[in-house]
Amino acid sequence: MTFGIWLTFLLAACLVSLSPGAGAINTMNSGMTHGVRATLPTILGLQLGYAIQILVVAVGLGALLASSTTAFLVIKWIGVAYLVWLGIQKWRTSGAVAIQGRAESAPHRQFWQAALVNLTNPKATVFLVALFPQFIAMGEPAASHAGQLLVMGVTLLGVDVLVMGGYAVLASQFKAFITSASRMRIVNRVFGSFFILAAGVLALYRRA
């Protein structure tokens, strides 16, 4: 993976993590209820669930893409359609982030609850299936695919840790913002536009 392709993937990873979803809401709940420092078990738990999803998708895609160009094209267009659908859904979402107070819970309980949130999130699986093939260099040996997938997996997890930390700070400091329906409507539409734009870029992408 060249540095230029990695930078493009890094931008995609930032978009994936920044888009408000189940993991972000879980982190903000913890940040608002327990404080920023006490949110660490939640963030680490999310990464465990995310890492398992990445591993499962990477192993399956690595074997499939190494043997079939047709499979790449099918996955690519499914990914394009999914990004468009996700963008439309973001545009249609108008509510505020629902933050509810809860009693103090043990760090291990926060950890495993958060891990389950990401592990059982089908959107994460579909997004990874759509995302990975766009950055894997075809025509390379299987070992090269494994190295590329490892770099992408580490990048996704690193970015997500930083973004979830930011969400925890946001929740603890700006409750009025994230619970405002009008402001969150703007945020959702911005991300919805990004997803549709990304779909257009992927649709035009051609690989040798």
N, C-alpha and C. Protein backbone atom coordinates (compact mmCIF):
# COMPACT_ATOMS: atom_id res chain seq x y z
N MET A 1 0.85 -1.19 0.00
CA MET A 1 0.00 0.00 0.00
C MET A 1 0.88 1.24 0.00
N THR A 2 0.70 2.09 -1.02
CA THR A 2 1.49 3.31 -1.11
C THR A 2 1.01 4.32 -0.07
N PHE A 3 1.85 5.31 0.20
CA PHE A 3 1.50 6.32 1.19
C PHE A 3 0.28 7.12 0.74
N GLY A 4 0.17 7.39 -0.56
CA GLY A 4 -0.97 8.15 -1.07
C GLY A 4 -2.28 7.39 -0.87
N ILE A 5 -2.26 6.08 -1.16
CA ILE A 5 -3.47 5.28 -0.97
C ILE A 5 -3.81 5.20 0.51
N TRP A 6 -2.78 5.08 1.36
CA TRP A 6 -3.03 5.03 2.79
C TRP A 6 -3.67 6.32 3.29
N LEU A 7 -3.22 7.46 2.78
CA LEU A 7 -3.81 8.73 3.20
C LEU A 7 -5.29 8.79 2.81
N THR A 8 -5.59 8.28 1.61
CA THR A 8 -7.00 8.24 1.18
C THR A 8 -7.80 7.35 2.11
N PHE A 9 -7.23 6.20 2.46
CA PHE A 9 -7.91 5.29 3.37
C PHE A 9 -8.06 5.93 4.75
N LEU A 10 -7.06 6.69 5.18
CA LEU A 10 -7.13 7.37 6.47
C LEU A 10 -8.31 8.34 6.50
N LEU A 11 -8.52 9.05 5.42
CA LEU A 11 -9.67 9.95 5.35
C LEU A 11 -10.98 9.17 5.43
N ALA A 12 -11.03 8.02 4.74
CA ALA A 12 -12.22 7.18 4.80
C ALA A 12 -12.44 6.66 6.22
N ALA A 13 -11.36 6.27 6.89
CA ALA A 13 -11.46 5.78 8.27
C ALA A 13 -11.99 6.86 9.20
N CYS A 14 -11.55 8.09 8.99
CA CYS A 14 -12.05 9.22 9.80
C CYS A 14 -13.54 9.42 9.59
N LEU A 15 -13.98 9.31 8.32
CA LEU A 15 -15.39 9.48 8.02
C LEU A 15 -16.22 8.39 8.68
N VAL A 16 -15.73 7.14 8.63
CA VAL A 16 -16.44 6.03 9.25
C VAL A 16 -16.61 6.26 10.75
N SER A 17 -15.54 6.66 11.42
CA SER A 17 -15.60 6.82 12.88
C SER A 17 -16.37 8.07 13.29
N LEU A 18 -16.24 9.14 12.51
CA LEU A 18 -16.90 10.39 12.89
C LEU A 18 -18.41 10.34 12.71
N SER A 19 -18.87 9.53 11.76
CA SER A 19 -20.31 9.46 11.52
C SER A 19 -21.02 8.92 12.76
N PRO A 20 -21.98 9.67 13.30
CA PRO A 20 -22.66 9.22 14.52
C PRO A 20 -23.35 7.88 14.33
N GLY A 21 -23.04 6.94 15.19
CA GLY A 21 -23.62 5.61 15.11
C GLY A 21 -23.76 5.00 16.49
N ALA A 22 -23.96 3.68 16.53
CA ALA A 22 -24.17 3.02 17.82
C ALA A 22 -22.97 3.18 18.74
N GLY A 23 -21.76 3.04 18.19
CA GLY A 23 -20.56 3.18 19.01
C GLY A 23 -20.40 4.58 19.57
N ALA A 24 -20.65 5.58 18.73
CA ALA A 24 -20.53 6.97 19.17
C ALA A 24 -21.54 7.29 20.26
N ILE A 25 -22.76 6.82 20.08
CA ILE A 25 -23.80 7.09 21.07
C ILE A 25 -23.47 6.40 22.39
N ASN A 26 -22.95 5.16 22.29
CA ASN A 26 -22.55 4.45 23.50
C ASN A 26 -21.45 5.19 24.25
N THR A 27 -20.48 5.71 23.49
CA THR A 27 -19.38 6.46 24.10
C THR A 27 -19.88 7.75 24.74
N MET A 28 -20.77 8.45 24.05
CA MET A 28 -21.29 9.70 24.60
C MET A 28 -22.13 9.46 25.85
N ASN A 29 -22.86 8.35 25.86
CA ASN A 29 -23.59 8.00 27.07
C ASN A 29 -22.65 7.82 28.25
N SER A 30 -21.55 7.10 28.02
CA SER A 30 -20.58 6.88 29.09
C SER A 30 -19.90 8.17 29.51
N GLY A 31 -19.55 9.00 28.51
CA GLY A 31 -18.87 10.26 28.81
C GLY A 31 -19.72 11.19 29.64
N MET A 32 -21.00 11.21 29.33
CA MET A 32 -21.89 12.11 30.05
C MET A 32 -22.23 11.58 31.44
N THR A 33 -22.33 10.26 31.56
CA THR A 33 -22.74 9.65 32.82
C THR A 33 -21.58 9.46 33.79
N HIS A 34 -20.43 9.03 33.25
CA HIS A 34 -19.31 8.66 34.12
C HIS A 34 -18.13 9.62 34.06
N GLY A 35 -18.10 10.51 33.07
CA GLY A 35 -16.95 11.39 32.90
C GLY A 35 -15.98 10.83 31.87
N VAL A 36 -15.09 11.68 31.38
CA VAL A 36 -14.20 11.31 30.28
C VAL A 36 -13.27 10.16 30.66
N ARG A 37 -12.60 10.25 31.80
CA ARG A 37 -11.62 9.23 32.18
C ARG A 37 -12.27 7.86 32.36
N ALA A 38 -13.45 7.86 32.93
CA ALA A 38 -14.14 6.59 33.19
C ALA A 38 -14.74 5.97 31.93
N THR A 39 -14.60 6.67 30.80
CA THR A 39 -15.13 6.15 29.54
C THR A 39 -14.14 5.21 28.86
N LEU A 40 -12.90 5.14 29.35
CA LEU A 40 -11.87 4.31 28.71
C LEU A 40 -12.31 2.85 28.55
N PRO A 41 -12.90 2.20 29.56
CA PRO A 41 -13.35 0.82 29.35
C PRO A 41 -14.35 0.69 28.21
N THR A 42 -15.23 1.68 28.07
CA THR A 42 -16.19 1.66 26.97
C THR A 42 -15.49 1.74 25.63
N ILE A 43 -14.52 2.65 25.51
CA ILE A 43 -13.80 2.82 24.25
C ILE A 43 -13.02 1.55 23.89
N LEU A 44 -12.35 0.96 24.88
CA LEU A 44 -11.59 -0.26 24.63
C LEU A 44 -12.51 -1.42 24.26
N GLY A 45 -13.66 -1.49 24.90
CA GLY A 45 -14.63 -2.53 24.56
C GLY A 45 -15.12 -2.40 23.14
N LEU A 46 -15.38 -1.17 22.71
CA LEU A 46 -15.79 -0.94 21.33
C LEU A 46 -14.72 -1.42 20.36
N GLN A 47 -13.46 -1.20 20.70
CA GLN A 47 -12.37 -1.61 19.81
C GLN A 47 -12.26 -3.13 19.72
N LEU A 48 -12.55 -3.83 20.81
CA LEU A 48 -12.52 -5.30 20.76
C LEU A 48 -13.58 -5.80 19.78
N GLY A 49 -14.79 -5.29 19.91
CA GLY A 49 -15.85 -5.70 18.99
C GLY A 49 -15.52 -5.33 17.56
N TYR A 50 -14.96 -4.15 17.36
CA TYR A 50 -14.59 -3.66 16.03
C TYR A 50 -13.47 -4.52 15.44
N ALA A 51 -12.48 -4.87 16.27
CA ALA A 51 -11.35 -5.68 15.81
C ALA A 51 -11.81 -7.06 15.34
N ILE A 52 -12.76 -7.64 16.06
CA ILE A 52 -13.28 -8.96 15.66
C ILE A 52 -14.00 -8.85 14.32
N GLN A 53 -14.79 -7.79 14.15
CA GLN A 53 -15.47 -7.57 12.87
C GLN A 53 -14.46 -7.40 11.74
N ILE A 54 -13.42 -6.61 11.99
CA ILE A 54 -12.39 -6.37 10.97
C ILE A 54 -11.70 -7.69 10.60
N LEU A 55 -11.38 -8.50 11.60
CA LEU A 55 -10.69 -9.76 11.35
C LEU A 55 -11.55 -10.70 10.51
N VAL A 56 -12.82 -10.83 10.88
CA VAL A 56 -13.72 -11.73 10.15
C VAL A 56 -13.88 -11.28 8.71
N VAL A 57 -14.11 -9.98 8.50
CA VAL A 57 -14.29 -9.46 7.15
C VAL A 57 -13.00 -9.58 6.35
N ALA A 58 -11.86 -9.27 6.97
CA ALA A 58 -10.58 -9.30 6.26
C ALA A 58 -10.23 -10.71 5.80
N VAL A 59 -10.41 -11.69 6.66
CA VAL A 59 -10.10 -13.08 6.29
C VAL A 59 -10.96 -13.54 5.13
N GLY A 60 -12.25 -13.25 5.20
CA GLY A 60 -13.16 -13.66 4.13
C GLY A 60 -12.87 -12.95 2.83
N LEU A 61 -12.68 -11.64 2.88
CA LEU A 61 -12.44 -10.87 1.66
C LEU A 61 -11.07 -11.18 1.06
N GLY A 62 -10.07 -11.38 1.93
CA GLY A 62 -8.73 -11.66 1.42
C GLY A 62 -8.73 -12.89 0.53
N ALA A 63 -9.42 -13.94 0.96
CA ALA A 63 -9.48 -15.17 0.17
C ALA A 63 -10.30 -14.98 -1.09
N LEU A 64 -11.39 -14.25 -0.98
CA LEU A 64 -12.29 -14.08 -2.11
C LEU A 64 -11.69 -13.20 -3.21
N LEU A 65 -11.12 -12.07 -2.82
CA LEU A 65 -10.61 -11.13 -3.80
C LEU A 65 -9.34 -11.63 -4.47
N ALA A 66 -8.62 -12.51 -3.80
CA ALA A 66 -7.40 -13.06 -4.39
C ALA A 66 -7.72 -13.98 -5.56
N SER A 67 -8.94 -14.49 -5.62
CA SER A 67 -9.27 -15.47 -6.65
C SER A 67 -10.32 -15.01 -7.64
N SER A 68 -10.93 -13.85 -7.45
CA SER A 68 -12.04 -13.47 -8.32
C SER A 68 -12.13 -11.96 -8.51
N THR A 69 -11.89 -11.53 -9.76
CA THR A 69 -12.08 -10.12 -10.10
C THR A 69 -13.57 -9.79 -10.15
N THR A 70 -14.37 -10.76 -10.60
CA THR A 70 -15.82 -10.56 -10.64
C THR A 70 -16.38 -10.28 -9.25
N ALA A 71 -15.85 -11.00 -8.26
CA ALA A 71 -16.29 -10.77 -6.88
C ALA A 71 -15.99 -9.34 -6.45
N PHE A 72 -14.83 -8.82 -6.87
CA PHE A 72 -14.49 -7.44 -6.54
C PHE A 72 -15.52 -6.48 -7.11
N LEU A 73 -15.90 -6.69 -8.38
CA LEU A 73 -16.85 -5.80 -9.03
C LEU A 73 -18.22 -5.85 -8.36
N VAL A 74 -18.64 -7.07 -8.00
CA VAL A 74 -19.93 -7.22 -7.32
C VAL A 74 -19.92 -6.49 -5.98
N ILE A 75 -18.85 -6.72 -5.20
CA ILE A 75 -18.74 -6.08 -3.89
C ILE A 75 -18.66 -4.56 -4.04
N LYS A 76 -17.94 -4.12 -5.07
CA LYS A 76 -17.80 -2.68 -5.30
C LYS A 76 -19.16 -2.02 -5.49
N TRP A 77 -20.00 -2.60 -6.34
CA TRP A 77 -21.28 -1.96 -6.63
C TRP A 77 -22.27 -2.11 -5.48
N ILE A 78 -22.15 -3.20 -4.73
CA ILE A 78 -22.94 -3.30 -3.50
C ILE A 78 -22.52 -2.20 -2.53
N GLY A 79 -21.20 -1.96 -2.46
CA GLY A 79 -20.70 -0.89 -1.60
C GLY A 79 -21.19 0.48 -2.02
N VAL A 80 -21.21 0.73 -3.33
CA VAL A 80 -21.71 2.01 -3.84
C VAL A 80 -23.17 2.19 -3.45
N ALA A 81 -23.98 1.14 -3.66
CA ALA A 81 -25.41 1.22 -3.33
C ALA A 81 -25.61 1.44 -1.83
N TYR A 82 -24.79 0.76 -1.03
CA TYR A 82 -24.93 0.90 0.42
C TYR A 82 -24.58 2.31 0.88
N LEU A 83 -23.54 2.89 0.32
CA LEU A 83 -23.15 4.25 0.69
C LEU A 83 -24.24 5.25 0.34
N VAL A 84 -24.85 5.08 -0.83
CA VAL A 84 -25.94 5.97 -1.22
C VAL A 84 -27.11 5.82 -0.24
N TRP A 85 -27.45 4.56 0.07
CA TRP A 85 -28.55 4.32 1.01
C TRP A 85 -28.25 4.92 2.37
N LEU A 86 -27.01 4.74 2.84
CA LEU A 86 -26.62 5.28 4.14
C LEU A 86 -26.70 6.81 4.14
N GLY A 87 -26.28 7.43 3.03
CA GLY A 87 -26.36 8.88 2.91
C GLY A 87 -27.79 9.38 2.98
N ILE A 88 -28.69 8.68 2.29
CA ILE A 88 -30.11 9.06 2.30
C ILE A 88 -30.69 8.91 3.71
N GLN A 89 -30.31 7.82 4.39
CA GLN A 89 -30.81 7.61 5.75
C GLN A 89 -30.33 8.71 6.69
N LYS A 90 -29.07 9.15 6.52
CA LYS A 90 -28.56 10.24 7.35
C LYS A 90 -29.35 11.53 7.08
N TRP A 91 -29.67 11.79 5.83
CA TRP A 91 -30.43 12.99 5.50
C TRP A 91 -31.84 12.94 6.11
N ARG A 92 -32.40 11.75 6.21
CA ARG A 92 -33.76 11.61 6.73
C ARG A 92 -33.80 11.59 8.25
N THR A 93 -32.64 11.42 8.90
CA THR A 93 -32.59 11.39 10.36
C THR A 93 -32.61 12.82 10.90
N SER A 94 -33.57 13.12 11.74
CA SER A 94 -33.71 14.50 12.21
C SER A 94 -33.67 14.65 13.72
N GLY A 95 -33.68 13.52 14.45
CA GLY A 95 -33.73 13.61 15.90
C GLY A 95 -32.39 13.90 16.54
N ALA A 96 -32.42 14.30 17.79
CA ALA A 96 -31.20 14.53 18.55
C ALA A 96 -30.66 13.20 19.05
N VAL A 97 -29.42 13.21 19.49
CA VAL A 97 -28.84 12.02 20.10
C VAL A 97 -29.49 11.81 21.46
N ALA A 98 -30.00 10.62 21.66
CA ALA A 98 -30.70 10.33 22.91
C ALA A 98 -29.69 9.92 23.98
N ILE A 99 -29.46 10.80 24.92
CA ILE A 99 -28.53 10.52 26.02
C ILE A 99 -29.33 10.33 27.29
N GLN A 100 -29.18 9.18 27.90
CA GLN A 100 -29.94 8.88 29.10
C GLN A 100 -28.99 8.58 30.24
N GLY A 101 -29.26 9.15 31.38
CA GLY A 101 -28.44 8.89 32.54
C GLY A 101 -28.59 7.45 33.02
N ARG A 102 -27.56 6.92 33.68
CA ARG A 102 -27.63 5.58 34.21
C ARG A 102 -26.74 5.49 35.44
N ALA A 103 -26.99 4.53 36.24
CA ALA A 103 -26.22 4.38 37.47
C ALA A 103 -24.78 4.01 37.14
N GLU A 104 -23.90 4.29 38.10
CA GLU A 104 -22.49 3.95 37.94
C GLU A 104 -22.35 2.45 37.73
N SER A 105 -21.60 2.04 36.73
CA SER A 105 -21.40 0.61 36.47
C SER A 105 -19.92 0.29 36.53
N ALA A 106 -19.61 -0.97 36.80
CA ALA A 106 -18.23 -1.41 36.92
C ALA A 106 -17.54 -1.31 35.57
N PRO A 107 -16.22 -1.02 35.56
CA PRO A 107 -15.49 -0.90 34.30
C PRO A 107 -15.60 -2.13 33.42
N HIS A 108 -15.57 -3.34 34.02
CA HIS A 108 -15.65 -4.55 33.19
C HIS A 108 -17.02 -4.67 32.54
N ARG A 109 -18.04 -4.19 33.23
CA ARG A 109 -19.39 -4.23 32.64
C ARG A 109 -19.48 -3.25 31.47
N GLN A 110 -18.91 -2.06 31.62
CA GLN A 110 -18.88 -1.10 30.51
C GLN A 110 -18.14 -1.69 29.32
N PHE A 111 -17.01 -2.36 29.60
CA PHE A 111 -16.17 -2.94 28.55
C PHE A 111 -16.95 -3.94 27.71
N TRP A 112 -17.57 -4.92 28.37
CA TRP A 112 -18.24 -5.98 27.63
C TRP A 112 -19.53 -5.51 26.97
N GLN A 113 -20.21 -4.57 27.58
CA GLN A 113 -21.40 -4.00 26.95
C GLN A 113 -21.02 -3.29 25.66
N ALA A 114 -19.92 -2.52 25.71
CA ALA A 114 -19.47 -1.79 24.53
C ALA A 114 -18.98 -2.76 23.44
N ALA A 115 -18.27 -3.81 23.85
CA ALA A 115 -17.80 -4.80 22.87
C ALA A 115 -18.98 -5.43 22.15
N LEU A 116 -20.03 -5.71 22.88
CA LEU A 116 -21.22 -6.31 22.27
C LEU A 116 -21.90 -5.35 21.30
N VAL A 117 -21.87 -4.05 21.61
CA VAL A 117 -22.47 -3.06 20.72
C VAL A 117 -21.85 -3.12 19.33
N ASN A 118 -20.52 -3.13 19.25
CA ASN A 118 -19.85 -3.17 17.96
C ASN A 118 -19.87 -4.55 17.32
N LEU A 119 -19.79 -5.58 18.14
CA LEU A 119 -19.75 -6.94 17.61
C LEU A 119 -21.06 -7.32 16.94
N THR A 120 -22.16 -6.78 17.43
CA THR A 120 -23.47 -7.13 16.88
C THR A 120 -24.04 -6.04 15.98
N ASN A 121 -23.16 -5.15 15.51
CA ASN A 121 -23.61 -4.06 14.64
C ASN A 121 -23.48 -4.47 13.17
N PRO A 122 -24.57 -4.84 12.50
CA PRO A 122 -24.47 -5.29 11.10
C PRO A 122 -24.00 -4.21 10.16
N LYS A 123 -24.27 -2.94 10.50
CA LYS A 123 -23.82 -1.85 9.64
C LYS A 123 -22.30 -1.81 9.53
N ALA A 124 -21.62 -2.12 10.64
CA ALA A 124 -20.15 -2.12 10.62
C ALA A 124 -19.64 -3.20 9.67
N THR A 125 -20.27 -4.37 9.71
CA THR A 125 -19.85 -5.46 8.83
C THR A 125 -20.03 -5.09 7.37
N VAL A 126 -21.21 -4.57 7.04
CA VAL A 126 -21.49 -4.20 5.65
C VAL A 126 -20.55 -3.09 5.19
N PHE A 127 -20.29 -2.14 6.07
CA PHE A 127 -19.41 -1.03 5.69
C PHE A 127 -18.00 -1.52 5.42
N LEU A 128 -17.50 -2.42 6.25
CA LEU A 128 -16.16 -2.96 6.05
C LEU A 128 -16.08 -3.76 4.76
N VAL A 129 -17.12 -4.54 4.48
CA VAL A 129 -17.16 -5.30 3.23
C VAL A 129 -17.13 -4.37 2.04
N ALA A 130 -17.78 -3.22 2.15
CA ALA A 130 -17.80 -2.26 1.05
C ALA A 130 -16.51 -1.47 0.96
N LEU A 131 -15.85 -1.25 2.10
CA LEU A 131 -14.69 -0.36 2.15
C LEU A 131 -13.39 -1.04 1.74
N PHE A 132 -13.10 -2.19 2.30
CA PHE A 132 -11.81 -2.84 2.10
C PHE A 132 -11.43 -3.07 0.63
N PRO A 133 -12.34 -3.61 -0.20
CA PRO A 133 -11.94 -3.92 -1.58
C PRO A 133 -11.48 -2.71 -2.38
N GLN A 134 -11.93 -1.51 -2.00
CA GLN A 134 -11.59 -0.33 -2.77
C GLN A 134 -10.11 0.04 -2.65
N PHE A 135 -9.44 -0.51 -1.63
CA PHE A 135 -8.05 -0.11 -1.38
C PHE A 135 -7.05 -1.26 -1.49
N ILE A 136 -7.53 -2.45 -1.84
CA ILE A 136 -6.64 -3.60 -1.99
C ILE A 136 -6.10 -3.64 -3.41
N ALA A 137 -4.79 -3.71 -3.56
CA ALA A 137 -4.16 -3.77 -4.89
C ALA A 137 -4.37 -5.16 -5.48
N MET A 138 -5.13 -5.23 -6.57
CA MET A 138 -5.37 -6.50 -7.23
C MET A 138 -4.11 -6.94 -7.96
N GLY A 139 -4.01 -8.23 -8.23
CA GLY A 139 -2.86 -8.74 -8.95
C GLY A 139 -1.68 -9.01 -8.06
N GLU A 140 -1.82 -8.74 -6.77
CA GLU A 140 -0.73 -8.99 -5.82
C GLU A 140 -0.95 -10.35 -5.15
N PRO A 141 0.11 -10.99 -4.63
CA PRO A 141 -0.04 -12.28 -3.95
C PRO A 141 -0.87 -12.15 -2.68
N ALA A 142 -1.36 -13.29 -2.20
CA ALA A 142 -2.22 -13.29 -1.02
C ALA A 142 -1.52 -12.69 0.19
N ALA A 143 -0.20 -12.92 0.30
CA ALA A 143 0.55 -12.36 1.42
C ALA A 143 0.51 -10.84 1.42
N SER A 144 0.55 -10.26 0.22
CA SER A 144 0.46 -8.81 0.11
C SER A 144 -0.91 -8.31 0.55
N HIS A 145 -1.97 -9.04 0.16
CA HIS A 145 -3.32 -8.67 0.59
C HIS A 145 -3.41 -8.67 2.11
N ALA A 146 -2.81 -9.69 2.74
CA ALA A 146 -2.86 -9.78 4.20
C ALA A 146 -2.17 -8.58 4.83
N GLY A 147 -1.04 -8.16 4.27
CA GLY A 147 -0.33 -7.00 4.80
C GLY A 147 -1.14 -5.73 4.66
N GLN A 148 -1.79 -5.57 3.50
CA GLN A 148 -2.62 -4.38 3.28
C GLN A 148 -3.80 -4.35 4.24
N LEU A 149 -4.44 -5.51 4.43
CA LEU A 149 -5.57 -5.58 5.34
C LEU A 149 -5.15 -5.30 6.78
N LEU A 150 -3.95 -5.74 7.15
CA LEU A 150 -3.44 -5.46 8.49
C LEU A 150 -3.25 -3.97 8.70
N VAL A 151 -2.65 -3.30 7.71
CA VAL A 151 -2.45 -1.85 7.80
C VAL A 151 -3.79 -1.14 7.93
N MET A 152 -4.78 -1.56 7.12
CA MET A 152 -6.09 -0.91 7.17
C MET A 152 -6.79 -1.16 8.49
N GLY A 153 -6.65 -2.39 9.02
CA GLY A 153 -7.28 -2.70 10.30
C GLY A 153 -6.70 -1.87 11.43
N VAL A 154 -5.38 -1.77 11.49
CA VAL A 154 -4.73 -0.98 12.53
C VAL A 154 -5.11 0.50 12.39
N THR A 155 -5.19 0.98 11.16
CA THR A 155 -5.58 2.37 10.92
C THR A 155 -6.99 2.64 11.42
N LEU A 156 -7.92 1.74 11.09
CA LEU A 156 -9.30 1.91 11.53
C LEU A 156 -9.41 1.95 13.05
N LEU A 157 -8.71 1.04 13.72
CA LEU A 157 -8.79 0.99 15.19
C LEU A 157 -8.14 2.22 15.82
N GLY A 158 -6.99 2.64 15.29
CA GLY A 158 -6.32 3.81 15.83
C GLY A 158 -7.17 5.07 15.70
N VAL A 159 -7.75 5.25 14.52
CA VAL A 159 -8.61 6.41 14.30
C VAL A 159 -9.83 6.36 15.21
N ASP A 160 -10.42 5.16 15.36
CA ASP A 160 -11.64 5.05 16.15
C ASP A 160 -11.38 5.35 17.62
N VAL A 161 -10.23 4.95 18.15
CA VAL A 161 -9.89 5.27 19.54
C VAL A 161 -9.85 6.78 19.73
N LEU A 162 -9.21 7.48 18.81
CA LEU A 162 -9.10 8.94 18.93
C LEU A 162 -10.46 9.61 18.79
N VAL A 163 -11.25 9.15 17.83
CA VAL A 163 -12.56 9.77 17.61
C VAL A 163 -13.50 9.51 18.78
N MET A 164 -13.50 8.27 19.30
CA MET A 164 -14.37 7.97 20.44
C MET A 164 -13.95 8.78 21.67
N GLY A 165 -12.64 9.00 21.83
CA GLY A 165 -12.19 9.87 22.91
C GLY A 165 -12.73 11.28 22.74
N GLY A 166 -12.73 11.75 21.50
CA GLY A 166 -13.29 13.07 21.22
C GLY A 166 -14.78 13.13 21.51
N TYR A 167 -15.51 12.06 21.17
CA TYR A 167 -16.94 12.03 21.46
C TYR A 167 -17.20 12.04 22.97
N ALA A 168 -16.35 11.37 23.73
CA ALA A 168 -16.52 11.37 25.18
C ALA A 168 -16.36 12.78 25.74
N VAL A 169 -15.35 13.50 25.25
CA VAL A 169 -15.14 14.89 25.67
C VAL A 169 -16.33 15.75 25.24
N LEU A 170 -16.78 15.55 23.99
CA LEU A 170 -17.92 16.31 23.48
C LEU A 170 -19.14 16.12 24.36
N ALA A 171 -19.42 14.86 24.72
CA ALA A 171 -20.60 14.57 25.53
C ALA A 171 -20.51 15.20 26.91
N SER A 172 -19.32 15.20 27.49
CA SER A 172 -19.17 15.74 28.84
C SER A 172 -19.21 17.26 28.88
N GLN A 173 -18.87 17.90 27.76
CA GLN A 173 -18.77 19.36 27.74
C GLN A 173 -19.91 20.06 26.99
N PHE A 174 -20.51 19.36 26.02
CA PHE A 174 -21.47 20.05 25.14
C PHE A 174 -22.78 19.29 25.06
N LYS A 175 -23.35 19.01 26.20
CA LYS A 175 -24.62 18.27 26.24
C LYS A 175 -25.72 19.00 25.47
N ALA A 176 -25.75 20.31 25.58
CA ALA A 176 -26.80 21.08 24.91
C ALA A 176 -26.73 20.94 23.39
N PHE A 177 -25.49 20.75 22.87
CA PHE A 177 -25.34 20.64 21.41
C PHE A 177 -25.84 19.30 20.90
N ILE A 178 -25.34 18.20 21.51
CA ILE A 178 -25.67 16.88 20.96
C ILE A 178 -27.10 16.46 21.25
N THR A 179 -27.78 17.15 22.16
CA THR A 179 -29.18 16.83 22.42
C THR A 179 -30.12 17.81 21.72
N SER A 180 -29.57 18.63 20.83
CA SER A 180 -30.38 19.56 20.06
C SER A 180 -30.76 18.93 18.72
N ALA A 181 -32.06 18.79 18.48
CA ALA A 181 -32.52 18.15 17.25
C ALA A 181 -32.09 18.94 16.01
N SER A 182 -32.16 20.27 16.06
CA SER A 182 -31.84 21.08 14.89
C SER A 182 -30.36 20.99 14.54
N ARG A 183 -29.49 20.99 15.55
CA ARG A 183 -28.05 20.90 15.29
C ARG A 183 -27.67 19.51 14.79
N MET A 184 -28.23 18.47 15.40
CA MET A 184 -27.92 17.12 14.96
C MET A 184 -28.47 16.85 13.56
N ARG A 185 -29.55 17.54 13.19
CA ARG A 185 -30.06 17.40 11.82
C ARG A 185 -29.02 17.88 10.81
N ILE A 186 -28.36 19.01 11.14
CA ILE A 186 -27.31 19.54 10.27
C ILE A 186 -26.14 18.57 10.19
N VAL A 187 -25.73 18.03 11.36
CA VAL A 187 -24.62 17.08 11.39
C VAL A 187 -24.93 15.86 10.53
N ASN A 188 -26.13 15.31 10.68
CA ASN A 188 -26.51 14.12 9.91
C ASN A 188 -26.53 14.40 8.41
N ARG A 189 -26.98 15.59 8.02
CA ARG A 189 -27.03 15.90 6.59
C ARG A 189 -25.64 16.12 6.01
N VAL A 190 -24.75 16.67 6.81
CA VAL A 190 -23.36 16.82 6.35
C VAL A 190 -22.75 15.45 6.09
N PHE A 191 -22.91 14.53 7.05
CA PHE A 191 -22.35 13.20 6.87
C PHE A 191 -23.08 12.44 5.76
N GLY A 192 -24.37 12.65 5.64
CA GLY A 192 -25.11 12.02 4.56
C GLY A 192 -24.58 12.44 3.20
N SER A 193 -24.26 13.72 3.06
CA SER A 193 -23.68 14.22 1.81
C SER A 193 -22.31 13.62 1.55
N PHE A 194 -21.52 13.46 2.61
CA PHE A 194 -20.20 12.84 2.47
C PHE A 194 -20.32 11.39 1.97
N PHE A 195 -21.28 10.66 2.52
CA PHE A 195 -21.46 9.26 2.11
C PHE A 195 -21.87 9.17 0.64
N ILE A 196 -22.75 10.03 0.21
CA ILE A 196 -23.19 10.01 -1.19
C ILE A 196 -22.04 10.41 -2.10
N LEU A 197 -21.24 11.39 -1.68
CA LEU A 197 -20.07 11.79 -2.45
C LEU A 197 -19.08 10.63 -2.55
N ALA A 198 -18.88 9.93 -1.44
CA ALA A 198 -17.98 8.78 -1.45
C ALA A 198 -18.48 7.70 -2.40
N ALA A 199 -19.78 7.51 -2.45
CA ALA A 199 -20.37 6.54 -3.38
C ALA A 199 -20.05 6.90 -4.82
N GLY A 200 -20.15 8.21 -5.13
CA GLY A 200 -19.82 8.66 -6.48
C GLY A 200 -18.37 8.41 -6.85
N VAL A 201 -17.48 8.65 -5.88
CA VAL A 201 -16.05 8.41 -6.12
C VAL A 201 -15.79 6.93 -6.36
N LEU A 202 -16.41 6.06 -5.56
CA LEU A 202 -16.20 4.64 -5.72
C LEU A 202 -16.78 4.13 -7.04
N ALA A 203 -17.88 4.71 -7.47
CA ALA A 203 -18.50 4.28 -8.73
C ALA A 203 -17.60 4.59 -9.92
N LEU A 204 -16.83 5.67 -9.83
CA LEU A 204 -15.94 6.07 -10.92
C LEU A 204 -14.59 5.39 -10.85
N TYR A 205 -14.33 4.69 -9.74
CA TYR A 205 -13.01 4.09 -9.53
C TYR A 205 -12.80 2.89 -10.45
N ARG A 206 -11.64 2.83 -11.09
CA ARG A 206 -11.28 1.70 -11.96
C ARG A 206 -9.96 1.15 -11.49
N ARG A 207 -9.85 -0.17 -11.41
CA ARG A 207 -8.62 -0.81 -10.97
C ARG A 207 -8.07 -1.69 -12.07
N ALA A 208 -6.77 -1.64 -12.21
CA ALA A 208 -6.13 -2.44 -13.23
C ALA A 208 -6.23 -3.93 -12.87
